[in-house]
Protein backbone atom coordinates (compact mmCIF):
# COMPACT_ATOMS: atom_id res chain seq x y z
CA MET A 1 1.81 15.65 -5.92
CA ASN A 2 3.00 16.62 -2.48
CA ALA A 3 4.10 13.20 -1.31
CA ALA A 4 5.41 12.59 2.14
CA GLY A 5 9.06 11.49 2.28
CA LEU A 6 9.86 7.83 2.70
CA HIS A 7 10.97 8.45 6.27
CA SER A 8 7.27 9.20 7.18
CA PRO A 9 6.13 6.80 9.92
CA ARG A 10 2.78 6.46 8.16
CA LEU A 11 4.47 5.32 4.89
CA GLN A 12 6.99 3.20 6.77
CA ARG A 13 4.16 1.19 8.25
CA VAL A 14 2.41 0.57 4.90
CA LEU A 15 5.76 -0.17 3.27
CA ARG A 16 6.70 -2.73 6.04
CA LEU A 17 3.33 -4.47 5.54
CA LEU A 18 3.46 -4.59 1.73
CA SER A 19 7.16 -5.56 1.64
CA ASP A 20 6.26 -9.25 1.94
CA GLY A 21 5.00 -9.18 -1.67
CA ARG A 22 1.74 -10.77 -0.81
CA PRO A 23 -1.77 -9.28 -1.60
CA HIS A 24 -3.38 -7.29 1.22
CA THR A 25 -6.93 -5.94 1.30
CA THR A 26 -7.61 -2.37 2.02
CA ARG A 27 -9.00 -3.38 5.44
CA ASP A 28 -5.74 -5.27 6.15
CA ILE A 29 -3.79 -2.13 5.45
CA VAL A 30 -6.06 -0.03 7.58
CA ARG A 31 -5.90 -2.33 10.52
CA LYS A 32 -2.36 -3.55 10.42
CA ALA A 33 -0.62 -0.42 9.31
CA ARG A 34 -2.99 2.04 11.21
CA VAL A 35 -3.69 4.36 8.27
CA MET A 36 -7.01 5.54 6.94
CA ALA A 37 -6.24 6.91 3.47
CA VAL A 38 -4.82 3.72 1.90
CA ASN A 39 -5.17 5.03 -1.64
CA ALA A 40 -3.17 8.13 -0.77
CA CYS A 41 -0.41 6.03 0.93
CA ILE A 42 -0.32 3.79 -2.20
CA SER A 43 -0.08 6.81 -4.51
CA GLU A 44 2.75 8.26 -2.38
CA LEU A 45 4.77 4.98 -2.49
CA ARG A 46 4.25 4.91 -6.21
CA PHE A 47 5.52 8.53 -6.46
CA HIS A 48 8.67 7.20 -4.83
CA GLY A 49 9.03 4.47 -7.42
CA ALA A 50 7.24 1.50 -5.78
CA ALA A 51 5.31 -0.80 -8.15
CA ILE A 52 2.01 -1.75 -6.49
CA LEU A 53 -0.73 -3.63 -8.16
CA CYS A 54 -4.35 -3.16 -7.35
CA THR A 55 -6.81 -5.95 -8.10
CA ARG A 56 -10.52 -6.26 -7.45
CA GLN A 57 -11.83 -9.67 -6.40
CA HIS A 58 -15.07 -10.93 -5.07
CA VAL A 59 -14.93 -12.57 -1.60
CA ASP A 60 -18.11 -14.12 -0.23
CA GLY A 61 -19.89 -12.24 -2.96
CA GLN A 62 -18.50 -8.76 -1.93
CA PRO A 63 -15.89 -6.89 -3.96
CA ARG A 64 -12.49 -6.47 -2.21
CA PHE A 65 -9.44 -4.53 -3.42
CA PHE A 66 -6.13 -6.18 -2.97
CA TYR A 67 -2.70 -4.35 -3.10
CA THR A 68 0.48 -6.22 -3.89
CA MET A 69 3.81 -4.57 -3.99
CA THR A 70 6.02 -6.11 -6.72
CA LYS A 71 8.96 -3.54 -6.45
CA GLY A 72 9.92 -1.38 -3.52
CA PRO A 73 10.35 2.33 -3.70
CA ASP A 74 13.70 3.90 -4.97
CA LEU A 75 15.86 4.36 -1.91
CA LYS A 76 17.99 7.41 -2.61
């Protein structure tokens, strides 16, 4: 994988949002962190050592994906 460095503003925005340890929907991440490829950002953060859970839940009968960071990336 050709992951961006942790200094990337895009990854920093996602990291800042997920750092509260609470679940965030894909839409939350798109709107609050201003990124479009949420799954790519999550993969890049995982590449850097972050532990991020992805769960699927139904909200108002519609499936939603929630991302929760349980461990931050390795800061080298």
